Amino acid sequence: MEPNKVAVAAPPVLCDSKPALLFEEVTVVRGGIPVLDAVRATVPIGSCTAIVGPNGSGKTSLLLALLGELSHQGQISFPGYGGERPRIGYVPQRFTFDRGLPLTVGEFLALGFQTRPLWFGVSPRVQKKAKTMLAQVQAEHLLRRRLGALSGGELQRVLLALALQQEPELLVLDEPAAGVDFQGEYVFCDLLDNLRCSWGFTQLMVSHDLPTVTHHATHVICLNHRVVAEGPPQRVLTPENLSAIFGLHMGMVSLKSMPMAQAGCTAPCCQPQAENTADA
């Protein structure tokens, strides 16, 4: 093996003619309120599939139903893996912990490898494996850093390394760039693209960032309690579909849609001087 070159897991054997997973009439009711209403959607195998929708539209609930953490009606099947549930890696939107804990990144990752308590130490074999997983996400330098001292982007990389320990066939991410700065967000998504191509897993992520979705996703599910549209981003992320999901004022500004009489600032400081003089 070349120096500093890290071996990657062999891609799983996939059934290319079948989707990775299917959501069929998936319904979730919480507190008597329907969160998901007969959701039917497909996740193509090997794809980067993004679920987009407004807050409260059921995006995270759909992931939790997939992970078996939320009871639901309907069926979630995995035809692309011979009907068997694939190995799933999960990166949560938020990871809450006591930042004062004297726990290093290496020790945190070791919790997924060894069964003996940490106070007995981390074996060299486990340390090497943790270092290898950090190298996969370009974060090898964080091995001995205290977990509570990490930035948002650094923590996301560590959580991604933890998910990759499962050698996933399906990687599920809930707002993977949450808490990451603008530049770090694109670096993180490029890293995911490279990992997906080299490892061969299918990626399913929830995202609120439409520019990131249009740049990285190969398949999009537009969700607002039920599926509004689904397919390639260039076909699905149309003004009509986005208005149906997010409403008319979704933050996508078009100068052509602005009333001419209100195209400028109406504050007194921006009014023509002649008008201000006349008023005086």
C-alpha atoms as a PDB file:
ATOM      1  CA  MET A   1       0.000   0.000   0.000  1.00  0.00           C
ATOM      2  CA  GLU A   2       1.247   3.472  -0.812  1.00  0.00           C
ATOM      3  CA  PRO A   3       2.383   5.646   2.139  1.00  0.00           C
ATOM      4  CA  ASN A   4      -0.436   7.595   3.800  1.00  0.00           C
ATOM      5  CA  LYS A   5      -2.946   5.799   1.578  1.00  0.00           C
ATOM      6  CA  VAL A   6      -5.901   4.444   3.550  1.00  0.00           C
ATOM      7  CA  ALA A   7      -7.696   1.322   2.421  1.00  0.00           C
ATOM      8  CA  VAL A   8     -11.438   1.657   1.941  1.00  0.00           C
ATOM      9  CA  ALA A   9     -14.136  -0.915   2.416  1.00  0.00           C
ATOM     10  CA  ALA A  10     -15.086  -2.862  -0.679  1.00  0.00           C
ATOM     11  CA  PRO A  11     -18.358  -1.598  -2.183  1.00  0.00           C
ATOM     12  CA  PRO A  12     -21.312  -3.865  -1.421  1.00  0.00           C
ATOM     13  CA  VAL A  13     -22.733  -6.090  -4.131  1.00  0.00           C
ATOM     14  CA  LEU A  14     -25.732  -4.194  -5.442  1.00  0.00           C
ATOM     15  CA  CYS A  15     -28.713  -5.046  -7.600  1.00  0.00           C
ATOM     16  CA  ASP A  16     -28.424  -2.207 -10.081  1.00  0.00           C
ATOM     17  CA  SER A  17     -31.881  -2.714 -11.564  1.00  0.00           C
ATOM     18  CA  LYS A  18     -33.637  -2.186  -8.230  1.00  0.00           C
ATOM     19  CA  PRO A  19     -33.907   0.842  -5.938  1.00  0.00           C
ATOM     20  CA  ALA A  20     -32.055   0.834  -2.650  1.00  0.00           C
ATOM     21  CA  LEU A  21     -35.247   1.335  -0.677  1.00  0.00           C
ATOM     22  CA  LEU A  22     -38.922   2.068  -1.102  1.00  0.00           C
ATOM     23  CA  PHE A  23     -41.285   4.007   1.133  1.00  0.00           C
ATOM     24  CA  GLU A  24     -44.764   2.626   0.517  1.00  0.00           C
ATOM     25  CA  GLU A  25     -47.760   4.400   2.087  1.00  0.00           C
ATOM     26  CA  VAL A  26     -45.679   5.351   5.126  1.00  0.00           C
ATOM     27  CA  THR A  27     -47.870   7.185   7.632  1.00  0.00           C
ATOM     28  CA  VAL A  28     -46.819   8.581  11.004  1.00  0.00           C
ATOM     29  CA  VAL A  29     -49.224  10.078  13.551  1.00  0.00           C
ATOM     30  CA  ARG A  30     -47.877  11.802  16.661  1.00  0.00           C
ATOM     31  CA  GLY A  31     -50.178  13.070  19.367  1.00  0.00           C
ATOM     32  CA  GLY A  32     -53.148  12.554  17.078  1.00  0.00           C
ATOM     33  CA  ILE A  33     -51.610  14.809  14.407  1.00  0.00           C
ATOM     34  CA  PRO A  34     -50.539  13.247  11.083  1.00  0.00           C
ATOM     35  CA  VAL A  35     -46.856  13.999  10.460  1.00  0.00           C
ATOM     36  CA  LEU A  36     -46.483  11.804   7.382  1.00  0.00           C
ATOM     37  CA  ASP A  37     -49.444  11.043   5.158  1.00  0.00           C
ATOM     38  CA  ALA A  38     -49.138   7.953   2.938  1.00  0.00           C
ATOM     39  CA  VAL A  39     -45.604   8.772   1.759  1.00  0.00           C
ATOM     40  CA  ARG A  40     -44.539   6.918  -1.378  1.00  0.00           C
ATOM     41  CA  ALA A  41     -40.950   7.505  -2.504  1.00  0.00           C
ATOM     42  CA  THR A  42     -37.965   5.752  -4.028  1.00  0.00           C
ATOM     43  CA  VAL A  43     -34.268   6.018  -3.190  1.00  0.00           C
ATOM     44  CA  PRO A  44     -32.169   4.880  -6.183  1.00  0.00           C
ATOM     45  CA  ILE A  45     -29.268   2.646  -5.329  1.00  0.00           C
ATOM     46  CA  GLY A  46     -25.899   4.380  -5.277  1.00  0.00           C
ATOM     47  CA  SER A  47     -27.568   7.796  -5.335  1.00  0.00           C
ATOM     48  CA  CYS A  48     -27.216  10.887  -3.220  1.00  0.00           C
ATOM     49  CA  THR A  49     -30.881  11.376  -2.410  1.00  0.00           C
ATOM     50  CA  ALA A  50     -31.946  14.547  -0.621  1.00  0.00           C
ATOM     51  CA  ILE A  51     -35.212  15.069   1.250  1.00  0.00           C
ATOM     52  CA  VAL A  52     -36.221  18.737   1.207  1.00  0.00           C
ATOM     53  CA  GLY A  53     -39.171  20.535   2.744  1.00  0.00           C
ATOM     54  CA  PRO A  54     -40.142  23.232   5.235  1.00  0.00           C
ATOM     55  CA  ASN A  55     -39.741  22.925   8.991  1.00  0.00           C
ATOM     56  CA  GLY A  56     -42.280  20.526  10.448  1.00  0.00           C
ATOM     57  CA  SER A  57     -42.880  18.760   7.133  1.00  0.00           C
ATOM     58  CA  GLY A  58     -41.887  15.324   8.474  1.00  0.00           C
ATOM     59  CA  LYS A  59     -38.356  15.005   7.051  1.00  0.00           C
ATOM     60  CA  THR A  60     -36.701  13.814  10.263  1.00  0.00           C
ATOM     61  CA  SER A  61     -39.721  11.661  11.100  1.00  0.00           C
ATOM     62  CA  LEU A  62     -39.253   9.818   7.808  1.00  0.00           C
ATOM     63  CA  LEU A  63     -35.630   9.092   8.694  1.00  0.00           C
ATOM     64  CA  LEU A  64     -36.577   7.927  12.194  1.00  0.00           C
ATOM     65  CA  ALA A  65     -39.198   5.601  10.717  1.00  0.00           C
ATOM     66  CA  LEU A  66     -36.526   4.193   8.413  1.00  0.00           C
ATOM     67  CA  LEU A  67     -34.172   3.663  11.367  1.00  0.00           C
ATOM     68  CA  GLY A  68     -36.882   1.892  13.357  1.00  0.00           C
ATOM     69  CA  GLU A  69     -36.987   4.645  15.974  1.00  0.00           C
ATOM     70  CA  LEU A  70     -40.535   5.773  15.186  1.00  0.00           C
ATOM     71  CA  SER A  71     -43.597   3.588  14.781  1.00  0.00           C
ATOM     72  CA  HIS A  72     -45.365   3.928  11.458  1.00  0.00           C
ATOM     73  CA  GLN A  73     -47.946   2.417   9.177  1.00  0.00           C
ATOM     74  CA  GLY A  74     -47.075   1.310   5.679  1.00  0.00           C
ATOM     75  CA  GLN A  75     -43.937  -0.451   4.521  1.00  0.00           C
ATOM     76  CA  ILE A  76     -40.257   0.398   4.108  1.00  0.00           C
ATOM     77  CA  SER A  77     -38.495  -2.201   1.973  1.00  0.00           C
ATOM     78  CA  PHE A  78     -34.989  -2.711   0.601  1.00  0.00           C
ATOM     79  CA  PRO A  79     -35.251  -4.342  -2.844  1.00  0.00           C
ATOM     80  CA  GLY A  80     -31.743  -3.235  -3.827  1.00  0.00           C
ATOM     81  CA  TYR A  81     -30.268  -5.430  -1.098  1.00  0.00           C
ATOM     82  CA  GLY A  82     -32.205  -8.592  -1.825  1.00  0.00           C
ATOM     83  CA  GLY A  83     -34.999  -7.528   0.514  1.00  0.00           C
ATOM     84  CA  GLU A  84     -32.676  -7.684   3.524  1.00  0.00           C
ATOM     85  CA  ARG A  85     -32.090  -4.658   5.720  1.00  0.00           C
ATOM     86  CA  PRO A  86     -28.685  -3.198   4.734  1.00  0.00           C
ATOM     87  CA  ARG A  87     -25.993  -2.002   7.100  1.00  0.00           C
ATOM     88  CA  ILE A  88     -26.959   1.565   7.972  1.00  0.00           C
ATOM     89  CA  GLY A  89     -24.723   4.374   9.180  1.00  0.00           C
ATOM     90  CA  TYR A  90     -26.418   7.395  10.734  1.00  0.00           C
ATOM     91  CA  VAL A  91     -25.221  10.959  11.303  1.00  0.00           C
ATOM     92  CA  PRO A  92     -27.735  12.882  13.474  1.00  0.00           C
ATOM     93  CA  GLN A  93     -28.605  16.543  13.107  1.00  0.00           C
ATOM     94  CA  ARG A  94     -27.649  17.278  16.704  1.00  0.00           C
ATOM     95  CA  PHE A  95     -25.367  15.454  19.077  1.00  0.00           C
ATOM     96  CA  THR A  96     -25.881  16.634  22.646  1.00  0.00           C
ATOM     97  CA  PHE A  97     -23.213  15.830  25.206  1.00  0.00           C
ATOM     98  CA  ASP A  98     -21.399  17.392  28.130  1.00  0.00           C
ATOM     99  CA  ARG A  99     -18.598  19.403  26.539  1.00  0.00           C
ATOM    100  CA  GLY A 100     -16.747  19.333  29.833  1.00  0.00           C
ATOM    101  CA  LEU A 101     -16.178  15.569  29.626  1.00  0.00           C
ATOM    102  CA  PRO A 102     -12.463  14.661  29.584  1.00  0.00           C
ATOM    103  CA  LEU A 103     -13.002  12.476  26.501  1.00  0.00           C
ATOM    104  CA  THR A 104     -10.751  12.562  23.455  1.00  0.00           C
ATOM    105  CA  VAL A 105     -11.923  11.919  19.917  1.00  0.00           C
ATOM    106  CA  GLY A 106      -9.949   8.678  19.837  1.00  0.00           C
ATOM    107  CA  GLU A 107     -11.617   7.467  23.038  1.00  0.00           C
ATOM    108  CA  PHE A 108     -15.035   8.455  21.705  1.00  0.00           C
ATOM    109  CA  LEU A 109     -14.522   6.403  18.548  1.00  0.00           C
ATOM    110  CA  ALA A 110     -13.138   3.528  20.624  1.00  0.00           C
ATOM    111  CA  LEU A 111     -16.550   3.177  22.262  1.00  0.00           C
ATOM    112  CA  GLY A 112     -17.741   1.705  18.963  1.00  0.00           C
ATOM    113  CA  PHE A 113     -14.888  -0.811  18.773  1.00  0.00           C
ATOM    114  CA  GLN A 114     -14.078  -2.198  22.192  1.00  0.00           C
ATOM    115  CA  THR A 115     -16.247  -3.723  24.892  1.00  0.00           C
ATOM    116  CA  ARG A 116     -13.957  -3.149  27.860  1.00  0.00           C
ATOM    117  CA  PRO A 117     -14.382   0.102  29.857  1.00  0.00           C
ATOM    118  CA  LEU A 118     -12.335   3.090  28.746  1.00  0.00           C
ATOM    119  CA  TRP A 119     -10.644   3.421  32.133  1.00  0.00           C
ATOM    120  CA  PHE A 120      -8.685   0.296  31.219  1.00  0.00           C
ATOM    121  CA  GLY A 121      -7.279   2.237  28.288  1.00  0.00           C
ATOM    122  CA  VAL A 122      -7.571   1.969  24.531  1.00  0.00           C
ATOM    123  CA  SER A 123      -5.660  -0.851  22.891  1.00  0.00           C
ATOM    124  CA  PRO A 124      -3.181  -0.063  20.098  1.00  0.00           C
ATOM    125  CA  ARG A 125      -5.367  -2.019  17.667  1.00  0.00           C
ATOM    126  CA  VAL A 126      -8.408   0.114  18.476  1.00  0.00           C
ATOM    127  CA  GLN A 127      -6.350   3.318  18.346  1.00  0.00           C
ATOM    128  CA  LYS A 128      -5.110   2.369  14.881  1.00  0.00           C
ATOM    129  CA  LYS A 129      -8.623   1.662  13.675  1.00  0.00           C
ATOM    130  CA  ALA A 130      -9.929   4.980  15.053  1.00  0.00           C
ATOM    131  CA  LYS A 131      -7.060   6.806  13.354  1.00  0.00           C
ATOM    132  CA  THR A 132      -7.833   5.044  10.088  1.00  0.00           C
ATOM    133  CA  MET A 133     -11.495   6.079  10.231  1.00  0.00           C
ATOM    134  CA  LEU A 134     -10.550   9.690  10.957  1.00  0.00           C
ATOM    135  CA  ALA A 135      -8.209   9.628   7.978  1.00  0.00           C
ATOM    136  CA  GLN A 136     -11.160   8.630   5.795  1.00  0.00           C
ATOM    137  CA  VAL A 137     -12.880  11.904   6.688  1.00  0.00           C
ATOM    138  CA  GLN A 138      -9.672  13.963   6.536  1.00  0.00           C
ATOM    139  CA  ALA A 139      -9.642  14.487  10.308  1.00  0.00           C
ATOM    140  CA  GLU A 140      -6.732  12.325  11.451  1.00  0.00           C
ATOM    141  CA  HIS A 141      -5.271  15.294  13.320  1.00  0.00           C
ATOM    142  CA  LEU A 142      -8.256  15.290  15.713  1.00  0.00           C
ATOM    143  CA  LEU A 143      -7.419  11.915  17.271  1.00  0.00           C
ATOM    144  CA  ARG A 144      -6.142  13.330  20.582  1.00  0.00           C
ATOM    145  CA  ARG A 145      -8.294  16.451  20.688  1.00  0.00           C
ATOM    146  CA  ARG A 146     -10.870  16.739  23.449  1.00  0.00           C
ATOM    147  CA  LEU A 147     -14.342  16.072  22.051  1.00  0.00           C
ATOM    148  CA  GLY A 148     -15.836  19.130  23.737  1.00  0.00           C
ATOM    149  CA  ALA A 149     -13.268  21.429  22.104  1.00  0.00           C
ATOM    150  CA  LEU A 150     -14.289  20.608  18.532  1.00  0.00           C
ATOM    151  CA  SER A 151     -15.933  23.103  16.214  1.00  0.00           C
ATOM    152  CA  GLY A 152     -19.232  22.263  14.516  1.00  0.00           C
ATOM    153  CA  GLY A 153     -17.515  21.124  11.323  1.00  0.00           C
ATOM    154  CA  GLU A 154     -14.937  19.043  13.193  1.00  0.00           C
ATOM    155  CA  LEU A 155     -17.644  17.327  15.234  1.00  0.00           C
ATOM    156  CA  GLN A 156     -19.579  16.478  12.067  1.00  0.00           C
ATOM    157  CA  ARG A 157     -16.497  14.795  10.630  1.00  0.00           C
ATOM    158  CA  VAL A 158     -16.054  12.749  13.811  1.00  0.00           C
ATOM    159  CA  LEU A 159     -19.721  11.691  13.722  1.00  0.00           C
ATOM    160  CA  LEU A 160     -19.291  10.748  10.069  1.00  0.00           C
ATOM    161  CA  ALA A 161     -16.243   8.655  10.974  1.00  0.00           C
ATOM    162  CA  LEU A 162     -18.334   6.937  13.659  1.00  0.00           C
ATOM    163  CA  ALA A 163     -21.053   6.168  11.092  1.00  0.00           C
ATOM    164  CA  LEU A 164     -18.477   4.784   8.659  1.00  0.00           C
ATOM    165  CA  GLN A 165     -17.331   2.294  11.295  1.00  0.00           C
ATOM    166  CA  GLN A 166     -20.447   0.322  10.365  1.00  0.00           C
ATOM    167  CA  GLU A 167     -19.123  -0.020   6.783  1.00  0.00           C
ATOM    168  CA  PRO A 168     -22.575   1.147   5.708  1.00  0.00           C
ATOM    169  CA  GLU A 169     -24.397   0.166   2.570  1.00  0.00           C
ATOM    170  CA  LEU A 170     -26.833   3.001   3.311  1.00  0.00           C
ATOM    171  CA  LEU A 171     -25.616   6.230   4.908  1.00  0.00           C
ATOM    172  CA  VAL A 172     -28.375   8.350   6.471  1.00  0.00           C
ATOM    173  CA  LEU A 173     -27.684  11.978   7.420  1.00  0.00           C
ATOM    174  CA  ASP A 174     -30.014  14.498   9.047  1.00  0.00           C
ATOM    175  CA  GLU A 175     -28.909  18.034   8.104  1.00  0.00           C
ATOM    176  CA  PRO A 176     -25.253  16.971   7.754  1.00  0.00           C
ATOM    177  CA  ALA A 177     -24.000  20.549   7.385  1.00  0.00           C
ATOM    178  CA  ALA A 178     -25.855  21.903  10.442  1.00  0.00           C
ATOM    179  CA  GLY A 179     -23.526  24.009  12.561  1.00  0.00           C
ATOM    180  CA  VAL A 180     -20.917  24.120   9.805  1.00  0.00           C
ATOM    181  CA  ASP A 181     -19.807  27.427   8.333  1.00  0.00           C
ATOM    182  CA  PHE A 182     -20.478  28.327   4.695  1.00  0.00           C
ATOM    183  CA  GLN A 183     -17.122  27.189   3.326  1.00  0.00           C
ATOM    184  CA  GLY A 184     -17.003  24.104   5.529  1.00  0.00           C
ATOM    185  CA  GLU A 185     -20.445  23.059   4.307  1.00  0.00           C
ATOM    186  CA  TYR A 186     -19.271  22.647   0.729  1.00  0.00           C
ATOM    187  CA  VAL A 187     -16.040  20.945   1.807  1.00  0.00           C
ATOM    188  CA  PHE A 188     -18.073  18.486   3.892  1.00  0.00           C
ATOM    189  CA  CYS A 189     -20.465  17.736   1.026  1.00  0.00           C
ATOM    190  CA  ASP A 190     -17.581  17.233  -1.412  1.00  0.00           C
ATOM    191  CA  LEU A 191     -16.090  14.803   1.108  1.00  0.00           C
ATOM    192  CA  LEU A 192     -19.376  12.887   1.180  1.00  0.00           C
ATOM    193  CA  ASP A 193     -19.444  12.748  -2.630  1.00  0.00           C
ATOM    194  CA  ASN A 194     -15.941  11.253  -2.711  1.00  0.00           C
ATOM    195  CA  LEU A 195     -16.759   8.728   0.023  1.00  0.00           C
ATOM    196  CA  ARG A 196     -19.954   7.643  -1.725  1.00  0.00           C
ATOM    197  CA  CYS A 197     -18.074   7.035  -4.971  1.00  0.00           C
ATOM    198  CA  SER A 198     -15.212   5.130  -3.324  1.00  0.00           C
ATOM    199  CA  TRP A 199     -17.234   3.102  -0.800  1.00  0.00           C
ATOM    200  CA  GLY A 200     -20.248   2.485  -3.034  1.00  0.00           C
ATOM    201  CA  PHE A 201     -22.937   3.257  -0.445  1.00  0.00           C
ATOM    202  CA  THR A 202     -26.284   4.930  -1.067  1.00  0.00           C
ATOM    203  CA  GLN A 203     -26.675   8.306   0.645  1.00  0.00           C
ATOM    204  CA  LEU A 204     -29.966   9.605   2.013  1.00  0.00           C
ATOM    205  CA  MET A 205     -29.901  13.029   3.616  1.00  0.00           C
ATOM    206  CA  VAL A 206     -32.266  15.683   4.894  1.00  0.00           C
ATOM    207  CA  SER A 207     -31.241  19.199   3.904  1.00  0.00           C
ATOM    208  CA  HIS A 208     -32.755  22.673   4.053  1.00  0.00           C
ATOM    209  CA  ASP A 209     -30.028  24.162   1.854  1.00  0.00           C
ATOM    210  CA  LEU A 210     -31.302  24.177  -1.727  1.00  0.00           C
ATOM    211  CA  PRO A 211     -27.994  25.339  -3.309  1.00  0.00           C
ATOM    212  CA  THR A 212     -26.227  22.390  -1.653  1.00  0.00           C
ATOM    213  CA  VAL A 213     -28.937  20.019  -2.837  1.00  0.00           C
ATOM    214  CA  THR A 214     -28.794  21.242  -6.435  1.00  0.00           C
ATOM    215  CA  HIS A 215     -25.003  20.906  -6.446  1.00  0.00           C
ATOM    216  CA  HIS A 216     -24.679  17.469  -4.820  1.00  0.00           C
ATOM    217  CA  ALA A 217     -27.938  15.511  -4.961  1.00  0.00           C
ATOM    218  CA  THR A 218     -28.666  13.107  -7.797  1.00  0.00           C
ATOM    219  CA  HIS A 219     -32.245  12.475  -6.649  1.00  0.00           C
ATOM    220  CA  VAL A 220     -34.624  14.709  -4.676  1.00  0.00           C
ATOM    221  CA  ILE A 221     -37.753  13.970  -2.635  1.00  0.00           C
ATOM    222  CA  CYS A 222     -39.843  17.093  -1.975  1.00  0.00           C
ATOM    223  CA  LEU A 223     -41.797  16.478   1.210  1.00  0.00           C
ATOM    224  CA  ASN A 224     -44.519  18.403   2.957  1.00  0.00           C
ATOM    225  CA  HIS A 225     -46.226  15.692   5.029  1.00  0.00           C
ATOM    226  CA  ARG A 226     -46.651  13.858   1.738  1.00  0.00           C
ATOM    227  CA  VAL A 227     -44.481  13.682  -1.383  1.00  0.00           C
ATOM    228  CA  VAL A 228     -45.074  16.730  -3.582  1.00  0.00           C
ATOM    229  CA  ALA A 229     -42.500  15.838  -6.235  1.00  0.00           C
ATOM    230  CA  GLU A 230     -39.661  13.384  -6.764  1.00  0.00           C
ATOM    231  CA  GLY A 231     -36.883  12.890  -9.283  1.00  0.00           C
ATOM    232  CA  PRO A 232     -33.659  14.483 -10.557  1.00  0.00           C
ATOM    233  CA  PRO A 233     -33.043  17.946  -9.075  1.00  0.00           C
ATOM    234  CA  GLN A 234     -33.167  19.759 -12.423  1.00  0.00           C
ATOM    235  CA  ARG A 235     -36.632  18.349 -13.050  1.00  0.00           C
ATOM    236  CA  VAL A 236     -38.021  18.586  -9.520  1.00  0.00           C
ATOM    237  CA  LEU A 237     -36.693  21.845  -8.074  1.00  0.00           C
ATOM    238  CA  THR A 238     -38.855  24.074 -10.224  1.00  0.00           C
ATOM    239  CA  PRO A 239     -40.401  27.359  -9.054  1.00  0.00           C
ATOM    240  CA  GLU A 240     -43.836  25.729  -9.185  1.00  0.00           C
ATOM    241  CA  ASN A 241     -42.853  22.779  -6.987  1.00  0.00           C
ATOM    242  CA  LEU A 242     -40.887  24.923  -4.555  1.00  0.00           C
ATOM    243  CA  SER A 243     -43.821  27.306  -4.177  1.00  0.00           C
ATOM    244  CA  ALA A 244     -46.094  24.344  -3.494  1.00  0.00           C
ATOM    245  CA  ILE A 245     -43.713  23.110  -0.785  1.00  0.00           C
ATOM    246  CA  PHE A 246     -42.423  26.272   0.850  1.00  0.00           C
ATOM    247  CA  GLY A 247     -45.077  28.823  -0.113  1.00  0.00           C
ATOM    248  CA  LEU A 248     -44.761  31.939  -2.223  1.00  0.00           C
ATOM    249  CA  HIS A 249     -42.244  33.679   0.041  1.00  0.00           C
ATOM    250  CA  MET A 250     -39.580  31.003   0.345  1.00  0.00           C
ATOM    251  CA  GLY A 251     -36.580  33.282   0.062  1.00  0.00           C
ATOM    252  CA  MET A 252     -35.950  32.856  -3.646  1.00  0.00           C
ATOM    253  CA  VAL A 253     -36.102  36.452  -4.809  1.00  0.00           C
ATOM    254  CA  SER A 254     -36.877  37.302  -8.422  1.00  0.00           C
ATOM    255  CA  LEU A 255     -36.647  40.932  -9.444  1.00  0.00           C
ATOM    256  CA  LYS A 256     -39.232  40.299 -12.156  1.00  0.00           C
ATOM    257  CA  SER A 257     -41.779  39.312  -9.537  1.00  0.00           C
ATOM    258  CA  MET A 258     -41.321  42.486  -7.495  1.00  0.00           C
ATOM    259  CA  PRO A 259     -43.971  45.203  -7.934  1.00  0.00           C
ATOM    260  CA  MET A 260     -42.287  48.110  -9.686  1.00  0.00           C
ATOM    261  CA  ALA A 261     -43.694  50.618  -7.227  1.00  0.00           C
ATOM    262  CA  GLN A 262     -42.000  48.793  -4.344  1.00  0.00           C
ATOM    263  CA  ALA A 263     -38.798  47.710  -6.036  1.00  0.00           C
ATOM    264  CA  GLY A 264     -36.723  50.132  -3.964  1.00  0.00           C
ATOM    265  CA  CYS A 265     -36.452  50.967  -0.295  1.00  0.00           C
ATOM    266  CA  THR A 266     -39.415  53.021   0.945  1.00  0.00           C
ATOM    267  CA  ALA A 267     -37.692  54.336   4.080  1.00  0.00           C
ATOM    268  CA  PRO A 268     -37.492  58.178   4.331  1.00  0.00           C
ATOM    269  CA  CYS A 269     -33.704  58.108   4.136  1.00  0.00           C
ATOM    270  CA  CYS A 270     -33.901  56.601   0.662  1.00  0.00           C
ATOM    271  CA  GLN A 271     -36.512  58.964  -0.765  1.00  0.00           C
ATOM    272  CA  PRO A 272     -35.423  61.516  -3.394  1.00  0.00           C
ATOM    273  CA  GLN A 273     -34.129  64.725  -1.854  1.00  0.00           C
ATOM    274  CA  ALA A 274     -36.690  66.735  -3.782  1.00  0.00           C
ATOM    275  CA  GLU A 275     -39.509  64.940  -1.986  1.00  0.00           C
ATOM    276  CA  ASN A 276     -37.941  65.502   1.395  1.00  0.00           C
ATOM    277  CA  THR A 277     -37.497  69.207   0.607  1.00  0.00           C
ATOM    278  CA  ALA A 278     -41.064  69.502  -0.571  1.00  0.00           C
ATOM    279  CA  ASP A 279     -42.338  67.900   2.585  1.00  0.00           C
ATOM    280  CA  ALA A 280     -40.320  70.344   4.645  1.00  0.00           C
END
